[in-house]
Structure formats: structure tokens, C-alpha cells
Amino acid sequence: LLPDNPSQVGSVSATVKVLDVNDNAPEFARFYEAFVCENAKAGQLIQTVSAIDRDDPQEGQHFYYSLAPEAANNPNFTLRDNQGN
């Protein structure tokens, strides 16, 4: 409620600086769907994935991938970082 007396009304300018540097979470560069044939060889490359972060410049991005804990000790899967996001 505003007071009836205009001399009791005031205003001030305020500046808001947004410091959120990661308002876009990293995401896969595209949709991936992998298939493994029953005759796949040990060590055969099955899928390469890439991620992007719309908050960072391309040259400043580096993502680290890891298998889920329940798959980390599974000898049938290996994850290799090719240093290319």
C-alpha cells in the first residue's frame, strides 16, 4: 500500500548481477543409441559419445566419463577417454 502523502514515497535503482555460471547443464551432443552384435570382438569399439556445455566456450570444455558403479567391475565393458569431449 502506498501512503497518501507523496512526500513519503521514495524510489531507488538497483542493479542485479547474475553470477550463475552454469545455467545449462552439460548434455550429449546428440541422441545416441548403441547396438552390440553377438559376434563383436573383444576390444571392438561399440560407441563414441560427445558432450557439450552451452555455458562454456568450445576450447574450454573437457568432460570426464565413467561407468556407473555397478558396471565399473564388469570385464565386458571398458570406457576410454579420447580427450575429445
PDB file of N, CA and C in Angstrom:
ATOM      1  N   LEU A   1       0.836  -1.184   0.000  1.00  0.00           N
ATOM      2  CA  LEU A   1       0.000   0.000   0.000  1.00  0.00           C
ATOM      3  C   LEU A   1       0.874   1.238   0.000  1.00  0.00           C
ATOM      4  N   LEU A   2       0.533   2.192  -0.840  1.00  0.00           N
ATOM      5  CA  LEU A   2       1.264   3.448  -0.883  1.00  0.00           C
ATOM      6  C   LEU A   2       0.644   4.422   0.105  1.00  0.00           C
ATOM      7  N   PRO A   3       1.481   5.206   0.776  1.00  0.00           N
ATOM      8  CA  PRO A   3       0.922   6.208   1.691  1.00  0.00           C
ATOM      9  C   PRO A   3       0.195   7.303   0.915  1.00  0.00           C
ATOM     10  N   ASP A   4      -0.730   7.966   1.608  1.00  0.00           N
ATOM     11  CA  ASP A   4      -1.495   9.043   0.973  1.00  0.00           C
ATOM     12  C   ASP A   4      -0.634  10.264   0.712  1.00  0.00           C
ATOM     13  N   ASN A   5       0.463  10.415   1.442  1.00  0.00           N
ATOM     14  CA  ASN A   5       1.313  11.593   1.334  1.00  0.00           C
ATOM     15  C   ASN A   5       2.456  11.297   0.355  1.00  0.00           C
ATOM     16  N   PRO A   6       2.509  11.942  -0.832  1.00  0.00           N
ATOM     17  CA  PRO A   6       3.571  11.689  -1.809  1.00  0.00           C
ATOM     18  C   PRO A   6       4.979  11.953  -1.274  1.00  0.00           C
ATOM     19  N   SER A   7       5.128  12.754  -0.241  1.00  0.00           N
ATOM     20  CA  SER A   7       6.460  13.021   0.303  1.00  0.00           C
ATOM     21  C   SER A   7       7.018  11.800   1.039  1.00  0.00           C
ATOM     22  N   GLN A   8       6.180  10.811   1.293  1.00  0.00           N
ATOM     23  CA  GLN A   8       6.629   9.592   1.961  1.00  0.00           C
ATOM     24  C   GLN A   8       6.911   8.459   0.957  1.00  0.00           C
ATOM     25  N   VAL A   9       6.856   8.780  -0.320  1.00  0.00           N
ATOM     26  CA  VAL A   9       7.130   7.796  -1.361  1.00  0.00           C
ATOM     27  C   VAL A   9       8.545   8.017  -1.861  1.00  0.00           C
ATOM     28  N   GLY A  10       9.301   6.957  -1.987  1.00  0.00           N
ATOM     29  CA  GLY A  10      10.665   7.064  -2.496  1.00  0.00           C
ATOM     30  C   GLY A  10      10.936   5.960  -3.496  1.00  0.00           C
ATOM     31  N   SER A  11      11.999   6.096  -4.251  1.00  0.00           N
ATOM     32  CA  SER A  11      12.402   5.054  -5.188  1.00  0.00           C
ATOM     33  C   SER A  11      13.919   5.012  -5.246  1.00  0.00           C
ATOM     34  N   VAL A  12      14.422   3.893  -5.644  1.00  0.00           N
ATOM     35  CA  VAL A  12      15.858   3.706  -5.755  1.00  0.00           C
ATOM     36  C   VAL A  12      16.120   2.729  -6.903  1.00  0.00           C
ATOM     37  N   SER A  13      17.217   2.921  -7.627  1.00  0.00           N
ATOM     38  CA  SER A  13      17.595   1.989  -8.691  1.00  0.00           C
ATOM     39  C   SER A  13      18.455   0.896  -8.084  1.00  0.00           C
ATOM     40  N   ALA A  14      18.273  -0.288  -8.553  1.00  0.00           N
ATOM     41  CA  ALA A  14      19.073  -1.417  -8.074  1.00  0.00           C
ATOM     42  C   ALA A  14      19.630  -2.154  -9.282  1.00  0.00           C
ATOM     43  N   THR A  15      20.866  -2.619  -9.153  1.00  0.00           N
ATOM     44  CA  THR A  15      21.495  -3.421 -10.194  1.00  0.00           C
ATOM     45  C   THR A  15      21.631  -4.836  -9.680  1.00  0.00           C
ATOM     46  N   VAL A  16      21.222  -5.798 -10.495  1.00  0.00           N
ATOM     47  CA  VAL A  16      21.328  -7.202 -10.128  1.00  0.00           C
ATOM     48  C   VAL A  16      22.335  -7.848 -11.073  1.00  0.00           C
ATOM     49  N   LYS A  17      23.356  -8.446 -10.513  1.00  0.00           N
ATOM     50  CA  LYS A  17      24.362  -9.150 -11.304  1.00  0.00           C
ATOM     51  C   LYS A  17      24.137 -10.644 -11.111  1.00  0.00           C
ATOM     52  N   VAL A  18      23.883 -11.363 -12.192  1.00  0.00           N
ATOM     53  CA  VAL A  18      23.643 -12.800 -12.129  1.00  0.00           C
ATOM     54  C   VAL A  18      24.990 -13.512 -12.183  1.00  0.00           C
ATOM     55  N   LEU A  19      25.269 -14.311 -11.163  1.00  0.00           N
ATOM     56  CA  LEU A  19      26.549 -14.991 -11.072  1.00  0.00           C
ATOM     57  C   LEU A  19      26.468 -16.464 -11.447  1.00  0.00           C
ATOM     58  N   ASP A  20      25.316 -16.916 -11.867  1.00  0.00           N
ATOM     59  CA  ASP A  20      25.150 -18.324 -12.220  1.00  0.00           C
ATOM     60  C   ASP A  20      25.949 -18.605 -13.484  1.00  0.00           C
ATOM     61  N   VAL A  21      27.042 -19.344 -13.346  1.00  0.00           N
ATOM     62  CA  VAL A  21      27.902 -19.613 -14.493  1.00  0.00           C
ATOM     63  C   VAL A  21      27.561 -20.933 -15.171  1.00  0.00           C
ATOM     64  N   ASN A  22      26.626 -21.688 -14.632  1.00  0.00           N
ATOM     65  CA  ASN A  22      26.284 -22.961 -15.247  1.00  0.00           C
ATOM     66  C   ASN A  22      24.771 -23.148 -15.261  1.00  0.00           C
ATOM     67  N   ASP A  23      24.097 -22.265 -15.974  1.00  0.00           N
ATOM     68  CA  ASP A  23      22.650 -22.397 -16.032  1.00  0.00           C
ATOM     69  C   ASP A  23      22.214 -23.421 -17.080  1.00  0.00           C
ATOM     70  N   ASN A  24      23.156 -23.920 -17.873  1.00  0.00           N
ATOM     71  CA  ASN A  24      22.893 -25.010 -18.813  1.00  0.00           C
ATOM     72  C   ASN A  24      23.768 -26.190 -18.417  1.00  0.00           C
ATOM     73  N   ALA A  25      23.158 -27.263 -18.021  1.00  0.00           N
ATOM     74  CA  ALA A  25      23.932 -28.455 -17.641  1.00  0.00           C
ATOM     75  C   ALA A  25      24.557 -29.086 -18.876  1.00  0.00           C
ATOM     76  N   PRO A  26      25.707 -29.745 -18.721  1.00  0.00           N
ATOM     77  CA  PRO A  26      26.278 -30.467 -19.866  1.00  0.00           C
ATOM     78  C   PRO A  26      25.294 -31.513 -20.384  1.00  0.00           C
ATOM     79  N   GLU A  27      25.360 -31.750 -21.673  1.00  0.00           N
ATOM     80  CA  GLU A  27      24.456 -32.722 -22.289  1.00  0.00           C
ATOM     81  C   GLU A  27      25.184 -33.414 -23.437  1.00  0.00           C
ATOM     82  N   PHE A  28      24.662 -34.562 -23.845  1.00  0.00           N
ATOM     83  CA  PHE A  28      25.233 -35.234 -25.004  1.00  0.00           C
ATOM     84  C   PHE A  28      25.038 -34.357 -26.231  1.00  0.00           C
ATOM     85  N   ALA A  29      25.987 -34.403 -27.153  1.00  0.00           N
ATOM     86  CA  ALA A  29      25.925 -33.588 -28.362  1.00  0.00           C
ATOM     87  C   ALA A  29      24.751 -33.978 -29.251  1.00  0.00           C
ATOM     88  N   ARG A  30      24.314 -35.219 -29.162  1.00  0.00           N
ATOM     89  CA  ARG A  30      23.159 -35.698 -29.931  1.00  0.00           C
ATOM     90  C   ARG A  30      22.600 -36.927 -29.224  1.00  0.00           C
ATOM     91  N   PHE A  31      21.518 -37.474 -29.739  1.00  0.00           N
ATOM     92  CA  PHE A  31      20.936 -38.693 -29.183  1.00  0.00           C
ATOM     93  C   PHE A  31      21.785 -39.878 -29.630  1.00  0.00           C
ATOM     94  N   TYR A  32      22.134 -40.756 -28.694  1.00  0.00           N
ATOM     95  CA  TYR A  32      22.933 -41.936 -29.003  1.00  0.00           C
ATOM     96  C   TYR A  32      22.127 -43.195 -28.722  1.00  0.00           C
ATOM     97  N   GLU A  33      22.275 -44.168 -29.604  1.00  0.00           N
ATOM     98  CA  GLU A  33      21.678 -45.476 -29.411  1.00  0.00           C
ATOM     99  C   GLU A  33      22.689 -46.487 -29.932  1.00  0.00           C
ATOM    100  N   ALA A  34      23.142 -47.375 -29.064  1.00  0.00           N
ATOM    101  CA  ALA A  34      24.195 -48.326 -29.439  1.00  0.00           C
ATOM    102  C   ALA A  34      23.628 -49.742 -29.521  1.00  0.00           C
ATOM    103  N   PHE A  35      24.179 -50.508 -30.426  1.00  0.00           N
ATOM    104  CA  PHE A  35      23.810 -51.910 -30.594  1.00  0.00           C
ATOM    105  C   PHE A  35      25.089 -52.735 -30.602  1.00  0.00           C
ATOM    106  N   VAL A  36      25.057 -53.881 -29.978  1.00  0.00           N
ATOM    107  CA  VAL A  36      26.205 -54.780 -29.950  1.00  0.00           C
ATOM    108  C   VAL A  36      25.782 -56.097 -30.585  1.00  0.00           C
ATOM    109  N   CYS A  37      26.517 -56.499 -31.618  1.00  0.00           N
ATOM    110  CA  CYS A  37      26.232 -57.775 -32.276  1.00  0.00           C
ATOM    111  C   CYS A  37      26.813 -58.914 -31.451  1.00  0.00           C
ATOM    112  N   GLU A  38      26.213 -60.074 -31.564  1.00  0.00           N
ATOM    113  CA  GLU A  38      26.685 -61.217 -30.777  1.00  0.00           C
ATOM    114  C   GLU A  38      28.074 -61.678 -31.198  1.00  0.00           C
ATOM    115  N   ASN A  39      28.519 -61.305 -32.388  1.00  0.00           N
ATOM    116  CA  ASN A  39      29.860 -61.698 -32.821  1.00  0.00           C
ATOM    117  C   ASN A  39      30.879 -60.570 -32.664  1.00  0.00           C
ATOM    118  N   ALA A  40      30.586 -59.574 -31.805  1.00  0.00           N
ATOM    119  CA  ALA A  40      31.537 -58.480 -31.559  1.00  0.00           C
ATOM    120  C   ALA A  40      32.807 -59.041 -30.934  1.00  0.00           C
ATOM    121  N   LYS A  41      33.933 -58.513 -31.360  1.00  0.00           N
ATOM    122  CA  LYS A  41      35.235 -58.964 -30.869  1.00  0.00           C
ATOM    123  C   LYS A  41      35.616 -58.218 -29.593  1.00  0.00           C
ATOM    124  N   ALA A  42      36.422 -58.850 -28.764  1.00  0.00           N
ATOM    125  CA  ALA A  42      36.937 -58.201 -27.553  1.00  0.00           C
ATOM    126  C   ALA A  42      37.739 -56.968 -27.964  1.00  0.00           C
ATOM    127  N   GLY A  43      37.496 -55.866 -27.318  1.00  0.00           N
ATOM    128  CA  GLY A  43      38.202 -54.625 -27.615  1.00  0.00           C
ATOM    129  C   GLY A  43      37.620 -53.832 -28.770  1.00  0.00           C
ATOM    130  N   GLN A  44      36.562 -54.330 -29.379  1.00  0.00           N
ATOM    131  CA  GLN A  44      35.938 -53.644 -30.514  1.00  0.00           C
ATOM    132  C   GLN A  44      35.237 -52.377 -30.049  1.00  0.00           C
ATOM    133  N   LEU A  45      35.417 -51.280 -30.778  1.00  0.00           N
ATOM    134  CA  LEU A  45      34.740 -50.028 -30.473  1.00  0.00           C
ATOM    135  C   LEU A  45      33.255 -50.181 -30.770  1.00  0.00           C
ATOM    136  N   ILE A  46      32.434 -49.892 -29.786  1.00  0.00           N
ATOM    137  CA  ILE A  46      30.983 -50.027 -29.945  1.00  0.00           C
ATOM    138  C   ILE A  46      30.326 -48.662 -30.164  1.00  0.00           C
ATOM    139  N   GLN A  47      30.726 -47.665 -29.389  1.00  0.00           N
ATOM    140  CA  GLN A  47      30.076 -46.351 -29.483  1.00  0.00           C
ATOM    141  C   GLN A  47      31.047 -45.271 -29.041  1.00  0.00           C
ATOM    142  N   THR A  48      31.029 -44.141 -29.733  1.00  0.00           N
ATOM    143  CA  THR A  48      31.757 -42.949 -29.314  1.00  0.00           C
ATOM    144  C   THR A  48      30.716 -41.900 -28.972  1.00  0.00           C
ATOM    145  N   VAL A  49      30.851 -41.266 -27.822  1.00  0.00           N
ATOM    146  CA  VAL A  49      29.909 -40.222 -27.418  1.00  0.00           C
ATOM    147  C   VAL A  49      30.653 -38.910 -27.225  1.00  0.00           C
ATOM    148  N   SER A  50      29.931 -37.819 -27.355  1.00  0.00           N
ATOM    149  CA  SER A  50      30.481 -36.488 -27.176  1.00  0.00           C
ATOM    150  C   SER A  50      29.468 -35.652 -26.403  1.00  0.00           C
ATOM    151  N   ALA A  51      29.966 -34.708 -25.615  1.00  0.00           N
ATOM    152  CA  ALA A  51      29.086 -33.844 -24.827  1.00  0.00           C
ATOM    153  C   ALA A  51      29.407 -32.384 -25.117  1.00  0.00           C
ATOM    154  N   ILE A  52      28.452 -31.521 -24.794  1.00  0.00           N
ATOM    155  CA  ILE A  52      28.640 -30.086 -24.940  1.00  0.00           C
ATOM    156  C   ILE A  52      28.106 -29.396 -23.692  1.00  0.00           C
ATOM    157  N   ASP A  53      28.624 -28.224 -23.420  1.00  0.00           N
ATOM    158  CA  ASP A  53      28.121 -27.373 -22.338  1.00  0.00           C
ATOM    159  C   ASP A  53      27.932 -25.995 -22.942  1.00  0.00           C
ATOM    160  N   ARG A  54      26.700 -25.573 -23.090  1.00  0.00           N
ATOM    161  CA  ARG A  54      26.389 -24.311 -23.766  1.00  0.00           C
ATOM    162  C   ARG A  54      26.882 -23.092 -22.988  1.00  0.00           C
ATOM    163  N   ASP A  55      27.339 -23.273 -21.747  1.00  0.00           N
ATOM    164  CA  ASP A  55      27.852 -22.160 -20.956  1.00  0.00           C
ATOM    165  C   ASP A  55      29.323 -21.871 -21.224  1.00  0.00           C
ATOM    166  N   ASP A  56      30.058 -22.839 -21.702  1.00  0.00           N
ATOM    167  CA  ASP A  56      31.498 -22.692 -21.857  1.00  0.00           C
ATOM    168  C   ASP A  56      31.890 -22.598 -23.318  1.00  0.00           C
ATOM    169  N   PRO A  57      32.982 -21.888 -23.614  1.00  0.00           N
ATOM    170  CA  PRO A  57      33.481 -21.882 -24.991  1.00  0.00           C
ATOM    171  C   PRO A  57      33.994 -23.273 -25.358  1.00  0.00           C
ATOM    172  N   GLN A  58      33.884 -23.623 -26.631  1.00  0.00           N
ATOM    173  CA  GLN A  58      34.270 -24.961 -27.084  1.00  0.00           C
ATOM    174  C   GLN A  58      35.674 -25.338 -26.645  1.00  0.00           C
ATOM    175  N   GLU A  59      36.639 -24.426 -26.771  1.00  0.00           N
ATOM    176  CA  GLU A  59      38.018 -24.775 -26.427  1.00  0.00           C
ATOM    177  C   GLU A  59      38.252 -24.911 -24.925  1.00  0.00           C
ATOM    178  N   GLY A  60      37.311 -24.468 -24.122  1.00  0.00           N
ATOM    179  CA  GLY A  60      37.459 -24.556 -22.669  1.00  0.00           C
ATOM    180  C   GLY A  60      36.794 -25.775 -22.065  1.00  0.00           C
ATOM    181  N   GLN A  61      36.166 -26.599 -22.885  1.00  0.00           N
ATOM    182  CA  GLN A  61      35.416 -27.737 -22.372  1.00  0.00           C
ATOM    183  C   GLN A  61      36.262 -28.995 -22.318  1.00  0.00           C
ATOM    184  N   HIS A  62      36.111 -29.728 -21.246  1.00  0.00           N
ATOM    185  CA  HIS A  62      36.643 -31.084 -21.182  1.00  0.00           C
ATOM    186  C   HIS A  62      35.764 -31.873 -20.226  1.00  0.00           C
ATOM    187  N   PHE A  63      35.240 -32.962 -20.711  1.00  0.00           N
ATOM    188  CA  PHE A  63      34.345 -33.790 -19.924  1.00  0.00           C
ATOM    189  C   PHE A  63      35.032 -35.099 -19.574  1.00  0.00           C
ATOM    190  N   TYR A  64      34.699 -35.616 -18.415  1.00  0.00           N
ATOM    191  CA  TYR A  64      35.223 -36.893 -17.958  1.00  0.00           C
ATOM    192  C   TYR A  64      34.059 -37.872 -17.860  1.00  0.00           C
ATOM    193  N   TYR A  65      34.255 -39.037 -18.387  1.00  0.00           N
ATOM    194  CA  TYR A  65      33.217 -40.054 -18.386  1.00  0.00           C
ATOM    195  C   TYR A  65      33.655 -41.203 -17.492  1.00  0.00           C
ATOM    196  N   SER A  66      32.690 -41.863 -16.892  1.00  0.00           N
ATOM    197  CA  SER A  66      32.993 -43.051 -16.098  1.00  0.00           C
ATOM    198  C   SER A  66      31.789 -43.977 -16.145  1.00  0.00           C
ATOM    199  N   LEU A  67      32.066 -45.250 -15.950  1.00  0.00           N
ATOM    200  CA  LEU A  67      30.983 -46.228 -15.894  1.00  0.00           C
ATOM    201  C   LEU A  67      30.266 -46.096 -14.558  1.00  0.00           C
ATOM    202  N   ALA A  68      29.003 -46.427 -14.538  1.00  0.00           N
ATOM    203  CA  ALA A  68      28.244 -46.444 -13.289  1.00  0.00           C
ATOM    204  C   ALA A  68      28.897 -47.441 -12.342  1.00  0.00           C
ATOM    205  N   PRO A  69      28.830 -47.210 -11.040  1.00  0.00           N
ATOM    206  CA  PRO A  69      29.493 -48.098 -10.076  1.00  0.00           C
ATOM    207  C   PRO A  69      29.151 -49.569 -10.266  1.00  0.00           C
ATOM    208  N   GLU A  70      27.917 -49.883 -10.610  1.00  0.00           N
ATOM    209  CA  GLU A  70      27.537 -51.283 -10.774  1.00  0.00           C
ATOM    210  C   GLU A  70      28.150 -51.910 -12.035  1.00  0.00           C
ATOM    211  N   ALA A  71      28.642 -51.096 -12.968  1.00  0.00           N
ATOM    212  CA  ALA A  71      29.263 -51.620 -14.186  1.00  0.00           C
ATOM    213  C   ALA A  71      30.785 -51.478 -14.180  1.00  0.00           C
ATOM    214  N   ALA A  72      31.325 -50.774 -13.205  1.00  0.00           N
ATOM    215  CA  ALA A  72      32.761 -50.481 -13.187  1.00  0.00           C
ATOM    216  C   ALA A  72      33.628 -51.736 -13.129  1.00  0.00           C
ATOM    217  N   ASN A  73      33.173 -52.773 -12.483  1.00  0.00           N
ATOM    218  CA  ASN A  73      33.963 -54.002 -12.360  1.00  0.00           C
ATOM    219  C   ASN A  73      33.542 -55.078 -13.354  1.00  0.00           C
ATOM    220  N   ASN A  74      32.701 -54.729 -14.294  1.00  0.00           N
ATOM    221  CA  ASN A  74      32.249 -55.684 -15.296  1.00  0.00           C
ATOM    222  C   ASN A  74      33.329 -55.808 -16.373  1.00  0.00           C
ATOM    223  N   PRO A  75      33.935 -56.981 -16.552  1.00  0.00           N
ATOM    224  CA  PRO A  75      35.024 -57.127 -17.521  1.00  0.00           C
ATOM    225  C   PRO A  75      34.560 -57.020 -18.974  1.00  0.00           C
ATOM    226  N   ASN A  76      33.251 -56.986 -19.216  1.00  0.00           N
ATOM    227  CA  ASN A  76      32.742 -56.918 -20.583  1.00  0.00           C
ATOM    228  C   ASN A  76      32.646 -55.498 -21.129  1.00  0.00           C
ATOM    229  N   PHE A  77      32.872 -54.485 -20.279  1.00  0.00           N
ATOM    230  CA  PHE A  77      32.761 -53.101 -20.721  1.00  0.00           C
ATOM    231  C   PHE A  77      33.997 -52.322 -20.323  1.00  0.00           C
ATOM    232  N   THR A  78      34.482 -51.503 -21.230  1.00  0.00           N
ATOM    233  CA  THR A  78      35.619 -50.625 -20.977  1.00  0.00           C
ATOM    234  C   THR A  78      35.246 -49.242 -21.480  1.00  0.00           C
ATOM    235  N   LEU A  79      35.665 -48.253 -20.756  1.00  0.00           N
ATOM    236  CA  LEU A  79      35.422 -46.875 -21.156  1.00  0.00           C
ATOM    237  C   LEU A  79      36.778 -46.220 -21.361  1.00  0.00           C
ATOM    238  N   ARG A  80      36.973 -45.577 -22.505  1.00  0.00           N
ATOM    239  CA  ARG A  80      38.251 -44.956 -22.814  1.00  0.00           C
ATOM    240  C   ARG A  80      38.032 -43.499 -23.171  1.00  0.00           C
ATOM    241  N   ASP A  81      38.788 -42.596 -22.551  1.00  0.00           N
ATOM    242  CA  ASP A  81      38.691 -41.167 -22.818  1.00  0.00           C
ATOM    243  C   ASP A  81      39.614 -40.836 -23.998  1.00  0.00           C
ATOM    244  N   ASN A  82      39.038 -40.337 -25.093  1.00  0.00           N
ATOM    245  CA  ASN A  82      39.855 -39.993 -26.258  1.00  0.00           C
ATOM    246  C   ASN A  82      40.284 -38.529 -26.263  1.00  0.00           C
ATOM    247  N   GLN A  83      40.063 -37.825 -25.141  1.00  0.00           N
ATOM    248  CA  GLN A  83      40.465 -36.422 -24.963  1.00  0.00           C
ATOM    249  C   GLN A  83      39.784 -35.480 -25.944  1.00  0.00           C
ATOM    250  N   GLY A  84      38.619 -35.869 -26.450  1.00  0.00           N
ATOM    251  CA  GLY A  84      37.932 -35.031 -27.425  1.00  0.00           C
ATOM    252  C   GLY A  84      36.519 -34.689 -27.028  1.00  0.00           C
ATOM    253  N   ASN A  85      36.245 -34.725 -25.737  1.00  0.00           N
ATOM    254  CA  ASN A  85      34.915 -34.438 -25.194  1.00  0.00           C
ATOM    255  C   ASN A  85      33.872 -35.445 -25.656  1.00  0.00           C
TER     256      ASN A  85
END
